[in-house]
């Protein structure tokens, strides 16, 4: 088992940009479409390296996705990237019919996802796209946890045949996986062993789960931390094993608490091995403007909420009832 430590910070969008360049070097039929925000979503790196394989479509996400479909059906491997709020939800019809219905080999990069985009505010903070995208037939959906995983995931979806979407953020997040750390579509990774509680997270919340596990260890609680970057295809085997061996689960994601990673985990265990579960995520709310750290605290997306939720889930498992801490308005208070 690797000993994961933070050794820097870097936005996952940089991993997406560097992954695109690697794909461009490996495959001459990789092309990229831009929507006037190439610097924000780091498609500018591909544009600089391969200007003849980059096409500016303008601020027209629906058009770009349709054009990408035509390119894919003509033998190209097209990537289109924009803010997730627009390239996932504004062109939902194009993703559903043009891309997925045709099983077109289109890759979408959804930037500025979650609330950690910061001052851009609620209109640009997409918190619902995982719920939508994982219901689309033929769609592959990845939510990497740091720069290195974003780079590897970008390469993986580029070399996978079929519709795919990668979710990445604007702000720096802890860098803790190594270039040698394994990544595969359809696979989750156990980052930390433990049988007292399972913490299953994706994206920026994976590091928060690691911190929560450290805090739980101070109380003698051994938490299993699972990174689940592949939302679809989903690693049912690893999740069901965690339910059987730990008996309680907490999920954590920078997304609505409904129908995202937590929903996928719940679907897996309710059919195979039901156990008490708690969900850490945005609770039926739009985002807001502020610094990333302020927003993560405001919306309850820190290690404290994961820590407290773990204690609640364990109490439910062991006592069969809800503890008094359920009444606390801010569950993070319980973490101290």
Protein backbone atom coordinates (compact mmCIF):
# COMPACT_ATOMS: atom_id res chain seq x y z
CA UNK A 1 0.00 0.00 0.00
CA UNK A 2 1.39 3.39 -1.00
CA UNK A 3 1.94 6.05 1.65
CA UNK A 4 0.09 9.02 0.19
CA UNK A 5 1.37 12.44 1.22
CA UNK A 6 0.69 15.84 -0.27
CA UNK A 7 3.71 17.09 -2.19
CA UNK A 8 2.25 20.17 -3.84
CA UNK A 9 -0.90 21.68 -5.30
CA UNK A 10 -2.03 21.95 -8.91
CA UNK A 11 -5.38 22.35 -10.70
CA UNK A 12 -6.82 19.24 -12.33
CA UNK A 13 -7.40 21.32 -15.47
CA UNK A 14 -3.63 21.34 -16.01
CA UNK A 15 -3.68 17.55 -16.01
CA UNK A 16 -6.37 17.64 -18.68
CA UNK A 17 -4.28 20.01 -20.83
CA UNK A 18 -1.10 17.98 -20.49
CA UNK A 19 -2.99 14.77 -21.19
CA UNK A 20 -4.32 16.27 -24.42
CA UNK A 21 -0.81 17.08 -25.59
CA UNK A 22 0.30 13.50 -24.90
CA UNK A 23 -2.66 12.18 -26.88
CA UNK A 24 -1.84 14.54 -29.74
CA UNK A 25 1.71 13.21 -29.85
CA UNK A 26 0.53 9.60 -29.86
CA UNK A 27 -2.41 9.86 -32.25
CA UNK A 28 -2.49 12.07 -35.34
CA UNK A 29 -6.28 11.89 -35.56
CA UNK A 30 -6.84 13.61 -32.20
CA UNK A 31 -8.35 17.07 -32.73
CA UNK A 32 -9.57 19.69 -30.26
CA UNK A 33 -12.44 22.15 -30.48
CA UNK A 34 -12.39 25.37 -28.47
CA UNK A 35 -15.10 27.70 -27.21
CA UNK A 36 -13.23 30.99 -26.62
CA UNK A 37 -11.97 29.89 -23.19
CA UNK A 38 -8.98 27.80 -24.23
CA UNK A 39 -6.77 29.27 -21.51
CA UNK A 40 -9.27 28.50 -18.79
CA UNK A 41 -9.70 24.84 -19.70
CA UNK A 42 -6.09 24.42 -20.85
CA UNK A 43 -6.86 23.36 -24.41
CA UNK A 44 -4.46 26.20 -25.20
CA UNK A 45 -1.60 23.74 -24.62
CA UNK A 46 -2.83 21.54 -27.48
CA UNK A 47 -3.50 24.60 -29.65
CA UNK A 48 0.10 25.78 -29.22
CA UNK A 49 1.54 22.35 -30.06
CA UNK A 50 -0.84 21.36 -32.87
CA UNK A 51 -2.40 24.55 -34.31
CA UNK A 52 -3.57 22.78 -37.48
CA UNK A 53 -5.60 20.31 -35.38
CA UNK A 54 -7.37 22.92 -33.26
CA UNK A 55 -10.68 24.52 -34.29
CA UNK A 56 -12.26 27.55 -32.64
CA UNK A 57 -16.04 27.23 -32.60
CA UNK A 58 -16.82 30.26 -30.47
CA UNK A 59 -19.19 30.39 -27.52
CA UNK A 60 -21.52 27.80 -29.00
CA UNK A 61 -21.41 24.61 -26.96
CA UNK A 62 -24.28 22.90 -28.78
CA UNK A 63 -22.72 23.58 -32.17
CA UNK A 64 -19.32 22.40 -30.98
CA UNK A 65 -20.72 19.11 -29.71
CA UNK A 66 -22.57 18.50 -32.97
CA UNK A 67 -19.45 19.31 -35.02
CA UNK A 68 -17.44 16.99 -32.77
CA UNK A 69 -19.94 14.23 -33.52
CA UNK A 70 -19.43 14.68 -37.25
CA UNK A 71 -15.66 14.60 -36.81
CA UNK A 72 -15.91 11.43 -34.73
CA UNK A 73 -18.10 9.71 -37.31
CA UNK A 74 -15.46 10.68 -39.90
CA UNK A 75 -12.67 8.91 -38.05
CA UNK A 76 -11.26 11.68 -35.86
CA UNK A 77 -10.96 11.62 -32.06
CA UNK A 78 -12.43 15.02 -31.13
CA UNK A 79 -12.19 16.68 -27.72
CA UNK A 80 -14.37 19.65 -26.87
CA UNK A 81 -13.87 21.46 -23.57
CA UNK A 82 -15.71 24.30 -21.91
CA UNK A 83 -17.19 25.07 -18.50
CA UNK A 84 -19.09 22.05 -17.28
CA UNK A 85 -22.19 24.12 -16.64
CA UNK A 86 -22.45 24.68 -20.37
CA UNK A 87 -20.87 21.69 -22.11
CA UNK A 88 -22.74 19.18 -19.92
CA UNK A 89 -26.11 20.77 -19.26
CA UNK A 90 -26.67 23.48 -21.87
CA UNK A 91 -26.16 20.92 -24.62
CA UNK A 92 -27.82 17.99 -22.86
CA UNK A 93 -29.83 17.16 -25.98
CA UNK A 94 -26.73 17.05 -28.18
CA UNK A 95 -24.94 14.77 -25.72
CA UNK A 96 -27.92 12.47 -25.47
CA UNK A 97 -28.89 12.17 -29.14
CA UNK A 98 -25.96 13.30 -31.30
CA UNK A 99 -23.22 11.73 -29.19
CA UNK A 100 -24.54 8.87 -27.06
CA UNK A 101 -27.38 7.62 -29.27
CA UNK A 102 -24.90 7.38 -32.15
CA UNK A 103 -22.18 5.99 -29.87
CA UNK A 104 -19.93 8.65 -31.38
CA UNK A 105 -16.33 8.71 -30.19
CA UNK A 106 -16.62 12.24 -28.74
CA UNK A 107 -14.72 13.36 -25.64
CA UNK A 108 -15.98 16.24 -23.49
CA UNK A 109 -13.90 18.13 -20.95
CA UNK A 110 -16.04 19.77 -18.28
CA UNK A 111 -14.06 22.53 -16.59
CA UNK A 112 -14.77 24.77 -13.60
CA UNK A 113 -16.83 21.98 -12.06
CA UNK A 114 -18.01 22.03 -8.46
CA UNK A 115 -18.06 25.08 -6.21
CA UNK A 116 -14.30 25.53 -5.84
CA UNK A 117 -14.25 27.64 -9.01
CA UNK A 118 -14.82 30.45 -6.51
CA UNK A 119 -15.84 34.02 -7.41
CA UNK A 120 -17.45 33.09 -10.75
CA UNK A 121 -20.58 32.24 -8.77
CA UNK A 122 -23.52 29.89 -8.93
CA UNK A 123 -24.19 30.13 -12.68
CA UNK A 124 -20.74 28.74 -13.44
CA UNK A 125 -20.55 26.21 -10.59
CA UNK A 126 -22.01 23.04 -12.02
CA UNK A 127 -23.11 20.64 -9.29
CA UNK A 128 -25.57 18.45 -11.18
CA UNK A 129 -23.81 17.05 -14.24
CA UNK A 130 -22.59 13.78 -12.72
CA UNK A 131 -26.20 12.87 -11.94
CA UNK A 132 -27.22 13.55 -15.54
CA UNK A 133 -24.24 12.12 -17.38
CA UNK A 134 -24.15 8.78 -15.61
CA UNK A 135 -27.68 8.03 -16.81
CA UNK A 136 -26.73 8.38 -20.49
CA UNK A 137 -26.29 5.04 -22.28
CA UNK A 138 -22.76 4.43 -23.62
CA UNK A 139 -21.28 7.39 -21.65
CA UNK A 140 -17.99 7.00 -19.77
CA UNK A 141 -17.65 9.45 -16.87
CA UNK A 142 -14.47 10.23 -14.92
CA UNK A 143 -13.87 12.54 -11.94
CA UNK A 144 -10.11 12.59 -11.17
CA UNK A 145 -8.77 13.50 -7.74
CA UNK A 146 -5.61 15.47 -8.62
CA UNK A 147 -3.39 16.67 -11.46
CA UNK A 148 -1.67 13.34 -12.08
CA UNK A 149 -4.91 11.39 -12.15
CA UNK A 150 -6.50 13.98 -14.46
CA UNK A 151 -3.59 13.62 -16.88
CA UNK A 152 -3.83 9.83 -16.90
CA UNK A 153 -7.63 9.87 -17.11
CA UNK A 154 -7.54 12.20 -20.12
CA UNK A 155 -5.21 9.83 -21.94
CA UNK A 156 -7.38 6.87 -20.95
CA UNK A 157 -10.64 8.33 -22.28
CA UNK A 158 -8.84 9.45 -25.45
CA UNK A 159 -7.73 5.90 -26.13
CA UNK A 160 -11.08 4.41 -25.14
CA UNK A 161 -13.57 4.08 -27.99
CA UNK A 162 -16.93 5.69 -27.22
CA UNK A 163 -18.47 8.81 -25.67
CA UNK A 164 -16.62 10.07 -22.60
CA UNK A 165 -16.67 13.02 -20.21
CA UNK A 166 -13.98 14.14 -17.77
CA UNK A 167 -14.76 16.55 -14.93
CA UNK A 168 -12.04 18.91 -13.70
CA UNK A 169 -11.68 22.08 -11.66
CA UNK A 170 -10.15 25.50 -11.84
CA UNK A 171 -8.48 25.94 -8.44
CA UNK A 172 -5.35 24.15 -7.21
CA UNK A 173 -5.99 20.98 -5.22
CA UNK A 174 -3.54 18.81 -3.27
CA UNK A 175 -1.22 16.73 -5.43
CA UNK A 176 -0.70 13.36 -3.78
CA UNK A 177 -0.76 10.58 -6.38
CA UNK A 178 2.41 9.81 -8.29
CA UNK A 179 3.04 9.39 -12.02
CA UNK A 180 3.39 5.65 -11.32
CA UNK A 181 0.08 5.35 -9.46
CA UNK A 182 -2.30 3.09 -11.36
CA UNK A 183 -5.40 4.33 -13.16
CA UNK A 184 -7.91 2.33 -15.18
CA UNK A 185 -11.43 3.07 -16.36
CA UNK A 186 -13.94 1.11 -14.31
CA UNK A 187 -11.62 0.75 -11.32
CA UNK A 188 -11.61 2.32 -7.86
CA UNK A 189 -8.48 2.39 -5.74
CA UNK A 190 -8.11 1.62 -2.05
CA UNK A 191 -5.73 4.35 -0.89
CA UNK A 192 -5.83 3.39 2.77
CA UNK A 193 -6.75 0.11 4.45
CA UNK A 194 -9.21 -0.19 7.32
CA UNK A 195 -12.31 -2.13 8.32
CA UNK A 196 -14.07 0.21 10.77
CA UNK A 197 -15.66 2.53 8.17
CA UNK A 198 -15.33 3.05 4.41
CA UNK A 199 -14.87 6.57 3.04
CA UNK A 200 -15.59 6.61 -0.70
CA UNK A 201 -14.85 9.85 -2.54
CA UNK A 202 -14.06 11.35 -5.93
CA UNK A 203 -12.45 14.53 -7.18
CA UNK A 204 -11.27 17.11 -4.68
CA UNK A 205 -12.99 15.26 -1.83
CA UNK A 206 -10.56 12.34 -1.97
CA UNK A 207 -7.88 14.34 -0.17
CA UNK A 208 -10.45 15.52 2.39
CA UNK A 209 -11.32 11.86 3.00
CA UNK A 210 -7.63 11.10 3.56
CA UNK A 211 -7.42 13.88 6.15
CA UNK A 212 -10.61 12.63 7.82
CA UNK A 213 -9.08 9.15 8.01
CA UNK A 214 -6.03 10.60 9.78
CA UNK A 215 -8.30 12.32 12.31
CA UNK A 216 -10.34 9.14 12.85
CA UNK A 217 -7.10 7.21 13.41
CA UNK A 218 -6.40 9.50 16.36
CA UNK A 219 -9.54 8.00 17.96
CA UNK A 220 -8.42 4.48 17.13
CA UNK A 221 -10.78 4.18 14.14
CA UNK A 222 -9.28 2.56 11.06
CA UNK A 223 -10.98 4.02 7.99
CA UNK A 224 -10.71 2.52 4.53
CA UNK A 225 -10.32 5.31 1.95
CA UNK A 226 -11.47 4.53 -1.58
CA UNK A 227 -10.88 6.82 -4.54
CA UNK A 228 -13.63 6.26 -7.12
CA UNK A 229 -12.70 8.37 -10.17
CA UNK A 230 -14.59 6.13 -12.60
CA UNK A 231 -18.25 6.94 -11.98
CA UNK A 232 -19.20 5.05 -15.13
CA UNK A 233 -18.20 2.30 -15.66
CA UNK A 234 -18.43 1.78 -11.90
CA UNK A 235 -16.36 -0.52 -9.72
CA UNK A 236 -19.13 -2.48 -8.00
CA UNK A 237 -16.73 -5.12 -6.72
CA UNK A 238 -14.59 -2.76 -4.63
CA UNK A 239 -17.61 -0.91 -3.25
CA UNK A 240 -19.57 -4.03 -2.30
CA UNK A 241 -16.44 -5.48 -0.66
CA UNK A 242 -16.17 -2.31 1.43
CA UNK A 243 -19.80 -2.67 2.52
CA UNK A 244 -19.27 -6.29 3.55
CA UNK A 245 -15.96 -5.74 5.31
CA UNK A 246 -16.59 -2.34 6.95
CA UNK A 247 -20.33 -2.41 7.59
CA UNK A 248 -20.81 1.35 7.11
CA UNK A 249 -20.00 3.84 4.35
CA UNK A 250 -19.61 7.59 3.87
CA UNK A 251 -19.51 9.07 0.37
CA UNK A 252 -18.04 12.50 -0.39
CA UNK A 253 -18.23 14.55 -3.58
CA UNK A 254 -18.12 18.17 -4.75
CA UNK A 255 -21.57 17.77 -6.30
CA UNK A 256 -25.20 17.69 -5.28
CA UNK A 257 -25.71 15.08 -2.59
CA UNK A 258 -28.39 13.53 -4.81
CA UNK A 259 -27.73 11.07 -7.63
CA UNK A 260 -23.96 11.51 -8.03
CA UNK A 261 -21.25 9.26 -6.63
CA UNK A 262 -23.35 8.71 -3.50
CA UNK A 263 -26.23 7.54 -5.63
CA UNK A 264 -24.01 5.10 -7.53
CA UNK A 265 -22.64 3.66 -4.27
CA UNK A 266 -26.12 3.38 -2.76
CA UNK A 267 -27.40 1.56 -5.84
CA UNK A 268 -24.50 -0.88 -5.57
CA UNK A 269 -24.90 -1.74 -1.91
CA UNK A 270 -28.71 -1.72 -1.59
CA UNK A 271 -28.86 -4.60 -4.07
CA UNK A 272 -25.83 -6.53 -2.85
CA UNK A 273 -25.18 -5.76 0.83
CA UNK A 274 -27.17 -2.92 2.49
CA UNK A 275 -25.33 -1.07 5.26
CA UNK A 276 -25.75 2.35 6.96
CA UNK A 277 -24.63 5.18 4.68
CA UNK A 278 -24.04 8.90 5.07
CA UNK A 279 -23.62 11.37 2.20
CA UNK A 280 -21.35 14.42 2.13
CA UNK A 281 -22.08 16.84 -0.70
CA UNK A 282 -23.99 20.00 -1.54
CA UNK A 283 -27.46 19.70 -0.08
CA UNK A 284 -30.00 20.77 -2.70
CA UNK A 285 -28.53 24.23 -3.18
CA UNK A 286 -26.89 26.31 -5.87
CA UNK A 287 -23.38 27.61 -5.23
CA UNK A 288 -22.24 31.14 -4.53
CA UNK A 289 -19.39 33.61 -4.90
CA UNK A 290 -16.35 33.47 -2.65
CA UNK A 291 -12.87 32.09 -2.31
CA UNK A 292 -12.66 28.34 -2.89
CA UNK A 293 -11.74 27.53 0.73
CA UNK A 294 -14.59 29.68 2.04
CA UNK A 295 -17.11 28.00 -0.23
CA UNK A 296 -15.96 24.49 0.64
CA UNK A 297 -16.48 25.32 4.31
CA UNK A 298 -19.80 27.08 3.74
CA UNK A 299 -21.26 24.13 1.84
CA UNK A 300 -19.87 21.48 4.17
CA UNK A 301 -17.27 19.95 1.89
CA UNK A 302 -14.32 19.43 4.23
CA UNK A 303 -12.76 16.62 6.22
CA UNK A 304 -14.81 17.68 9.24
CA UNK A 305 -18.10 16.71 7.62
CA UNK A 306 -16.62 13.38 6.49
CA UNK A 307 -15.27 12.74 9.99
CA UNK A 308 -18.57 13.50 11.69
CA UNK A 309 -20.55 11.52 9.11
CA UNK A 310 -18.30 8.52 9.73
CA UNK A 311 -19.12 8.63 13.44
CA UNK A 312 -22.83 8.86 12.62
CA UNK A 313 -22.70 5.90 10.22
CA UNK A 314 -20.76 3.79 12.72
CA UNK A 315 -23.25 4.67 15.46
CA UNK A 316 -26.14 3.60 13.24
CA UNK A 317 -24.36 0.33 12.48
CA UNK A 318 -23.48 -0.45 16.10
CA UNK A 319 -26.45 1.04 17.97
CA UNK A 320 -29.16 0.78 15.35
CA UNK A 321 -30.37 4.35 15.95
CA UNK A 322 -29.40 7.91 15.18
CA UNK A 323 -27.09 9.67 17.65
CA UNK A 324 -27.84 13.05 19.20
CA UNK A 325 -25.24 14.65 16.91
CA UNK A 326 -27.75 14.30 14.09
CA UNK A 327 -29.51 17.30 15.64
CA UNK A 328 -26.46 19.53 15.29
CA UNK A 329 -27.14 22.21 12.67
CA UNK A 330 -23.55 22.17 11.42
CA UNK A 331 -22.31 18.58 11.56
CA UNK A 332 -18.73 19.87 11.33
CA UNK A 333 -19.07 21.16 14.90
CA UNK A 334 -18.93 17.57 16.01
CA UNK A 335 -15.47 17.18 14.56
CA UNK A 336 -14.14 19.88 16.85
